[in-house]
Amino acid sequence: MNDLQKEINELKEFIAYLKADRVAAKEKEQREAWTKYVSLTIVIVAVITAMATQLAGKYSSRTQMSQIKASDQWSFYEAKSIKQHLDEATMAQLGNHTNDPATAAFAKKMAANLARYDQEKSDIMDKAKALEAKRDDASLRSGMMATALSLFSVSIATASICTVTKKKPLWFISMLMALIAVAQMIHAVLVK
């Protein structure tokens, strides 16, 4: 019977140990319940980062396309300038040889072309400058989005470190950086 009593006591100790272990596990789970919110925060920040990446790509593409179109307009402007210069040189060579009716008609056509070139060049220059302004605006927004993306990346890394180290202040720092990044992203979209 002594052996039975001994086994019963061991069983009671084991049960007490299991209960204490269960209580400790529950307490630990309650103490670290906030870490699931850190994980949720990481997912949310990652989704917002993906959206910011799309916007950054949009602004970057807009910068490149506007630069290409502006360069095309400036090339067109140069082509008009060359044509105008050639027509001016031709007019100078005609000089006083406009006695011939065909030459006079040709000279009149050249004079009309010269007057038209100035207006066309002015219109082309306006289009090129508008495209350059669009390029500059998109470049500014793209830079702001790049800053936001960097902040989002650091925020995600900080929150990830938080889940490993179980340091709650890192989570708050991570959320603060994410909020600053969101503000930067909104500013990039709304800037005038």
C-alpha atoms as a PDB file:
ATOM      1  CA  MET A   1       0.000   0.000   0.000  1.00  0.00           C
ATOM      2  CA  ASN A   2       2.982   2.207   0.580  1.00  0.00           C
ATOM      3  CA  ASP A   3       3.873   1.908  -3.080  1.00  0.00           C
ATOM      4  CA  LEU A   4       0.358   2.836  -4.076  1.00  0.00           C
ATOM      5  CA  GLN A   5       0.454   5.878  -1.845  1.00  0.00           C
ATOM      6  CA  LYS A   6       3.799   6.819  -3.336  1.00  0.00           C
ATOM      7  CA  GLU A   7       2.443   6.527  -6.864  1.00  0.00           C
ATOM      8  CA  ILE A   8      -0.632   8.560  -5.944  1.00  0.00           C
ATOM      9  CA  ASN A   9       1.591  11.291  -4.517  1.00  0.00           C
ATOM     10  CA  GLU A  10       3.744  11.254  -7.676  1.00  0.00           C
ATOM     11  CA  LEU A  11       0.594  11.450  -9.778  1.00  0.00           C
ATOM     12  CA  LYS A  12      -0.655  14.383  -7.693  1.00  0.00           C
ATOM     13  CA  GLU A  13       2.708  16.134  -8.128  1.00  0.00           C
ATOM     14  CA  PHE A  14       2.587  15.481 -11.856  1.00  0.00           C
ATOM     15  CA  ILE A  15      -0.959  16.855 -12.092  1.00  0.00           C
ATOM     16  CA  ALA A  16       0.079  19.912 -10.062  1.00  0.00           C
ATOM     17  CA  TYR A  17       3.051  20.359 -12.388  1.00  0.00           C
ATOM     18  CA  LEU A  18       0.780  20.116 -15.461  1.00  0.00           C
ATOM     19  CA  LYS A  19      -1.647  22.623 -13.964  1.00  0.00           C
ATOM     20  CA  ALA A  20       1.177  25.035 -13.148  1.00  0.00           C
ATOM     21  CA  ASP A  21       2.611  24.587 -16.635  1.00  0.00           C
ATOM     22  CA  ARG A  22      -0.797  25.209 -18.187  1.00  0.00           C
ATOM     23  CA  VAL A  23      -1.285  28.344 -16.055  1.00  0.00           C
ATOM     24  CA  ALA A  24       2.200  29.564 -17.012  1.00  0.00           C
ATOM     25  CA  ALA A  25       1.483  28.919 -20.703  1.00  0.00           C
ATOM     26  CA  LYS A  26      -1.812  30.829 -20.474  1.00  0.00           C
ATOM     27  CA  GLU A  27      -0.117  33.719 -18.699  1.00  0.00           C
ATOM     28  CA  LYS A  28       2.612  33.803 -21.327  1.00  0.00           C
ATOM     29  CA  GLU A  29       0.004  33.691 -24.084  1.00  0.00           C
ATOM     30  CA  GLN A  30      -1.882  36.564 -22.477  1.00  0.00           C
ATOM     31  CA  ARG A  31       1.335  38.568 -22.018  1.00  0.00           C
ATOM     32  CA  GLU A  32       2.255  38.044 -25.661  1.00  0.00           C
ATOM     33  CA  ALA A  33      -1.231  38.306 -27.175  1.00  0.00           C
ATOM     34  CA  TRP A  34      -0.265  41.686 -28.588  1.00  0.00           C
ATOM     35  CA  THR A  35       2.206  40.001 -30.964  1.00  0.00           C
ATOM     36  CA  LYS A  36      -0.642  38.795 -33.182  1.00  0.00           C
ATOM     37  CA  TYR A  37      -1.519  42.461 -33.680  1.00  0.00           C
ATOM     38  CA  VAL A  38       2.073  43.111 -34.683  1.00  0.00           C
ATOM     39  CA  SER A  39       1.707  40.445 -37.355  1.00  0.00           C
ATOM     40  CA  LEU A  40      -1.528  42.016 -38.524  1.00  0.00           C
ATOM     41  CA  THR A  41       0.203  45.415 -38.616  1.00  0.00           C
ATOM     42  CA  ILE A  42       2.966  43.952 -40.788  1.00  0.00           C
ATOM     43  CA  VAL A  43       0.412  42.610 -43.260  1.00  0.00           C
ATOM     44  CA  ILE A  44      -1.449  45.922 -43.437  1.00  0.00           C
ATOM     45  CA  VAL A  45       1.766  47.895 -43.927  1.00  0.00           C
ATOM     46  CA  ALA A  46       2.864  45.430 -46.618  1.00  0.00           C
ATOM     47  CA  VAL A  47      -0.412  45.929 -48.512  1.00  0.00           C
ATOM     48  CA  ILE A  48      -0.098  49.717 -48.295  1.00  0.00           C
ATOM     49  CA  THR A  49       3.519  49.382 -49.430  1.00  0.00           C
ATOM     50  CA  ALA A  50       2.358  47.468 -52.500  1.00  0.00           C
ATOM     51  CA  MET A  51      -0.068  50.278 -53.333  1.00  0.00           C
ATOM     52  CA  ALA A  52       2.674  52.869 -52.832  1.00  0.00           C
ATOM     53  CA  THR A  53       4.949  50.876 -55.129  1.00  0.00           C
ATOM     54  CA  GLN A  54       2.310  50.996 -57.854  1.00  0.00           C
ATOM     55  CA  LEU A  55       1.961  54.759 -57.455  1.00  0.00           C
ATOM     56  CA  ALA A  56       5.733  55.219 -57.493  1.00  0.00           C
ATOM     57  CA  GLY A  57       5.896  53.222 -60.722  1.00  0.00           C
ATOM     58  CA  LYS A  58       3.142  55.348 -62.226  1.00  0.00           C
ATOM     59  CA  TYR A  59       4.977  58.573 -61.425  1.00  0.00           C
ATOM     60  CA  SER A  60       8.288  57.178 -62.622  1.00  0.00           C
ATOM     61  CA  SER A  61       6.736  56.124 -65.939  1.00  0.00           C
ATOM     62  CA  ARG A  62       5.044  59.494 -66.285  1.00  0.00           C
ATOM     63  CA  THR A  63       8.422  61.190 -65.735  1.00  0.00           C
ATOM     64  CA  GLN A  64      10.056  59.145 -68.482  1.00  0.00           C
ATOM     65  CA  MET A  65       7.202  59.492 -70.969  1.00  0.00           C
ATOM     66  CA  SER A  66       6.942  63.239 -70.455  1.00  0.00           C
ATOM     67  CA  GLN A  67      10.704  63.596 -70.946  1.00  0.00           C
ATOM     68  CA  ILE A  68      10.550  61.589 -74.175  1.00  0.00           C
ATOM     69  CA  LYS A  69       7.620  63.618 -75.485  1.00  0.00           C
ATOM     70  CA  ALA A  70       9.293  66.908 -74.488  1.00  0.00           C
ATOM     71  CA  SER A  71      12.477  65.829 -76.290  1.00  0.00           C
ATOM     72  CA  ASP A  72      10.406  65.014 -79.368  1.00  0.00           C
ATOM     73  CA  GLN A  73       8.816  68.450 -79.235  1.00  0.00           C
ATOM     74  CA  TRP A  74      12.219  70.146 -78.923  1.00  0.00           C
ATOM     75  CA  SER A  75      13.475  68.100 -81.902  1.00  0.00           C
ATOM     76  CA  PHE A  76      10.437  69.221 -83.863  1.00  0.00           C
ATOM     77  CA  TYR A  77      11.188  72.810 -82.818  1.00  0.00           C
ATOM     78  CA  GLU A  78      14.769  72.450 -84.084  1.00  0.00           C
ATOM     79  CA  ALA A  79      13.506  71.003 -87.367  1.00  0.00           C
ATOM     80  CA  LYS A  80      11.220  74.019 -87.832  1.00  0.00           C
ATOM     81  CA  SER A  81      14.152  76.327 -86.994  1.00  0.00           C
ATOM     82  CA  ILE A  82      16.293  74.630 -89.632  1.00  0.00           C
ATOM     83  CA  LYS A  83      13.523  74.933 -92.216  1.00  0.00           C
ATOM     84  CA  GLN A  84      13.074  78.592 -91.306  1.00  0.00           C
ATOM     85  CA  HIS A  85      16.811  79.216 -91.609  1.00  0.00           C
ATOM     86  CA  LEU A  86      16.932  77.496 -94.994  1.00  0.00           C
ATOM     87  CA  ASP A  87      13.987  79.554 -96.232  1.00  0.00           C
ATOM     88  CA  GLU A  88      15.657  82.751 -94.961  1.00  0.00           C
ATOM     89  CA  ALA A  89      18.865  81.794 -96.790  1.00  0.00           C
ATOM     90  CA  THR A  90      16.889  81.079 -99.949  1.00  0.00           C
ATOM     91  CA  MET A  91      15.133  84.442 -99.660  1.00  0.00           C
ATOM     92  CA  ALA A  92      18.494  86.160 -99.220  1.00  0.00           C
ATOM     93  CA  GLN A  93      19.815  84.460-102.351  1.00  0.00           C
ATOM     94  CA  LEU A  94      16.762  85.494-104.338  1.00  0.00           C
ATOM     95  CA  GLY A  95      17.447  89.092-103.351  1.00  0.00           C
ATOM     96  CA  ASN A  96      16.458  91.376-106.180  1.00  0.00           C
ATOM     97  CA  HIS A  97      15.771  88.595-108.699  1.00  0.00           C
ATOM     98  CA  THR A  98      12.039  88.774-108.133  1.00  0.00           C
ATOM     99  CA  ASN A  99      11.360  90.342-111.559  1.00  0.00           C
ATOM    100  CA  ASP A 100      10.401  86.958-112.930  1.00  0.00           C
ATOM    101  CA  PRO A 101       6.734  86.127-112.088  1.00  0.00           C
ATOM    102  CA  ALA A 102       7.596  82.532-111.099  1.00  0.00           C
ATOM    103  CA  THR A 103      10.411  83.723-108.851  1.00  0.00           C
ATOM    104  CA  ALA A 104       8.138  86.397-107.360  1.00  0.00           C
ATOM    105  CA  ALA A 105       5.468  83.751-106.612  1.00  0.00           C
ATOM    106  CA  PHE A 106       8.118  81.522-105.057  1.00  0.00           C
ATOM    107  CA  ALA A 107       9.404  84.416-102.929  1.00  0.00           C
ATOM    108  CA  LYS A 108       5.850  85.192-101.785  1.00  0.00           C
ATOM    109  CA  LYS A 109       5.364  81.560-100.783  1.00  0.00           C
ATOM    110  CA  MET A 110       8.676  81.655 -98.878  1.00  0.00           C
ATOM    111  CA  ALA A 111       7.635  84.830 -97.027  1.00  0.00           C
ATOM    112  CA  ALA A 112       4.364  83.163 -95.987  1.00  0.00           C
ATOM    113  CA  ASN A 113       6.303  80.118 -94.762  1.00  0.00           C
ATOM    114  CA  LEU A 114       8.639  82.355 -92.750  1.00  0.00           C
ATOM    115  CA  ALA A 115       5.708  84.022 -91.021  1.00  0.00           C
ATOM    116  CA  ARG A 116       4.102  80.630 -90.302  1.00  0.00           C
ATOM    117  CA  TYR A 117       7.290  79.129 -88.825  1.00  0.00           C
ATOM    118  CA  ASP A 118       7.428  81.634 -85.976  1.00  0.00           C
ATOM    119  CA  GLN A 119       3.869  80.775 -84.887  1.00  0.00           C
ATOM    120  CA  GLU A 120       4.467  77.029 -85.241  1.00  0.00           C
ATOM    121  CA  LYS A 121       7.698  77.246 -83.242  1.00  0.00           C
ATOM    122  CA  SER A 122       5.906  79.173 -80.509  1.00  0.00           C
ATOM    123  CA  ASP A 123       3.182  76.502 -80.290  1.00  0.00           C
ATOM    124  CA  ILE A 124       5.775  73.701 -80.252  1.00  0.00           C
ATOM    125  CA  MET A 125       7.758  75.467 -77.523  1.00  0.00           C
ATOM    126  CA  ASP A 126       4.617  75.822 -75.390  1.00  0.00           C
ATOM    127  CA  LYS A 127       3.877  72.099 -75.746  1.00  0.00           C
ATOM    128  CA  ALA A 128       7.478  71.183 -74.871  1.00  0.00           C
ATOM    129  CA  LYS A 129       7.460  73.402 -71.790  1.00  0.00           C
ATOM    130  CA  ALA A 130       4.117  71.938 -70.668  1.00  0.00           C
ATOM    131  CA  LEU A 131       5.543  68.428 -71.017  1.00  0.00           C
ATOM    132  CA  GLU A 132       8.640  69.453 -69.065  1.00  0.00           C
ATOM    133  CA  ALA A 133       6.416  70.822 -66.292  1.00  0.00           C
ATOM    134  CA  LYS A 134       4.506  67.536 -66.257  1.00  0.00           C
ATOM    135  CA  ARG A 135       7.846  65.668 -66.100  1.00  0.00           C
ATOM    136  CA  ASP A 136       9.060  67.810 -63.202  1.00  0.00           C
ATOM    137  CA  ASP A 137       5.818  67.293 -61.291  1.00  0.00           C
ATOM    138  CA  ALA A 138       5.925  63.518 -61.793  1.00  0.00           C
ATOM    139  CA  SER A 139       9.592  63.442 -60.798  1.00  0.00           C
ATOM    140  CA  LEU A 140       8.817  65.302 -57.569  1.00  0.00           C
ATOM    141  CA  ARG A 141       5.971  62.909 -56.748  1.00  0.00           C
ATOM    142  CA  SER A 142       8.122  59.891 -57.615  1.00  0.00           C
ATOM    143  CA  GLY A 143      10.807  61.074 -55.202  1.00  0.00           C
ATOM    144  CA  MET A 144       8.264  61.522 -52.429  1.00  0.00           C
ATOM    145  CA  MET A 145       6.898  58.043 -53.063  1.00  0.00           C
ATOM    146  CA  ALA A 146      10.438  56.628 -52.904  1.00  0.00           C
ATOM    147  CA  THR A 147      10.838  58.181 -49.460  1.00  0.00           C
ATOM    148  CA  ALA A 148       7.516  56.679 -48.370  1.00  0.00           C
ATOM    149  CA  LEU A 149       8.573  53.258 -49.671  1.00  0.00           C
ATOM    150  CA  SER A 150      11.808  53.441 -47.698  1.00  0.00           C
ATOM    151  CA  LEU A 151       9.901  54.302 -44.532  1.00  0.00           C
ATOM    152  CA  PHE A 152       7.456  51.445 -45.144  1.00  0.00           C
ATOM    153  CA  SER A 153      10.339  49.001 -45.569  1.00  0.00           C
ATOM    154  CA  VAL A 154      11.997  50.109 -42.341  1.00  0.00           C
ATOM    155  CA  SER A 155       8.624  49.944 -40.596  1.00  0.00           C
ATOM    156  CA  ILE A 156       8.105  46.333 -41.703  1.00  0.00           C
ATOM    157  CA  ALA A 157      11.649  45.398 -40.652  1.00  0.00           C
ATOM    158  CA  THR A 158      11.210  47.033 -37.250  1.00  0.00           C
ATOM    159  CA  ALA A 159       7.902  45.242 -36.661  1.00  0.00           C
ATOM    160  CA  SER A 160       9.497  41.950 -37.682  1.00  0.00           C
ATOM    161  CA  ILE A 161      12.309  42.494 -35.182  1.00  0.00           C
ATOM    162  CA  CYS A 162       9.629  43.303 -32.614  1.00  0.00           C
ATOM    163  CA  THR A 163       7.985  39.897 -33.068  1.00  0.00           C
ATOM    164  CA  VAL A 164      11.309  38.141 -32.531  1.00  0.00           C
ATOM    165  CA  THR A 165      12.527  40.190 -29.573  1.00  0.00           C
ATOM    166  CA  LYS A 166       9.069  40.727 -27.998  1.00  0.00           C
ATOM    167  CA  LYS A 167       9.933  44.402 -27.405  1.00  0.00           C
ATOM    168  CA  LYS A 168       6.671  46.318 -27.556  1.00  0.00           C
ATOM    169  CA  PRO A 169       8.301  49.774 -28.046  1.00  0.00           C
ATOM    170  CA  LEU A 170       9.634  48.568 -31.406  1.00  0.00           C
ATOM    171  CA  TRP A 171       6.052  47.964 -32.505  1.00  0.00           C
ATOM    172  CA  PHE A 172       5.109  51.537 -31.630  1.00  0.00           C
ATOM    173  CA  ILE A 173       8.153  52.847 -33.495  1.00  0.00           C
ATOM    174  CA  SER A 174       7.170  50.686 -36.462  1.00  0.00           C
ATOM    175  CA  MET A 175       3.624  52.047 -36.490  1.00  0.00           C
ATOM    176  CA  LEU A 176       4.919  55.615 -36.189  1.00  0.00           C
ATOM    177  CA  MET A 177       7.176  55.118 -39.210  1.00  0.00           C
ATOM    178  CA  ALA A 178       4.288  53.583 -41.144  1.00  0.00           C
ATOM    179  CA  LEU A 179       2.084  56.579 -40.311  1.00  0.00           C
ATOM    180  CA  ILE A 180       4.799  58.988 -41.458  1.00  0.00           C
ATOM    181  CA  ALA A 181       5.125  56.959 -44.666  1.00  0.00           C
ATOM    182  CA  VAL A 182       1.354  57.096 -45.234  1.00  0.00           C
ATOM    183  CA  ALA A 183       1.443  60.874 -44.708  1.00  0.00           C
ATOM    184  CA  GLN A 184       4.325  61.138 -47.207  1.00  0.00           C
ATOM    185  CA  MET A 185       2.399  58.978 -49.683  1.00  0.00           C
ATOM    186  CA  ILE A 186      -0.732  61.125 -49.351  1.00  0.00           C
ATOM    187  CA  HIS A 187       1.351  64.274 -49.690  1.00  0.00           C
ATOM    188  CA  ALA A 188       2.923  62.897 -52.885  1.00  0.00           C
ATOM    189  CA  VAL A 189      -0.506  62.231 -54.375  1.00  0.00           C
ATOM    190  CA  LEU A 190      -2.076  65.535 -53.318  1.00  0.00           C
ATOM    191  CA  VAL A 191       0.864  67.946 -53.794  1.00  0.00           C
ATOM    192  CA  LYS A 192       0.121  70.764 -56.233  1.00  0.00           C
END
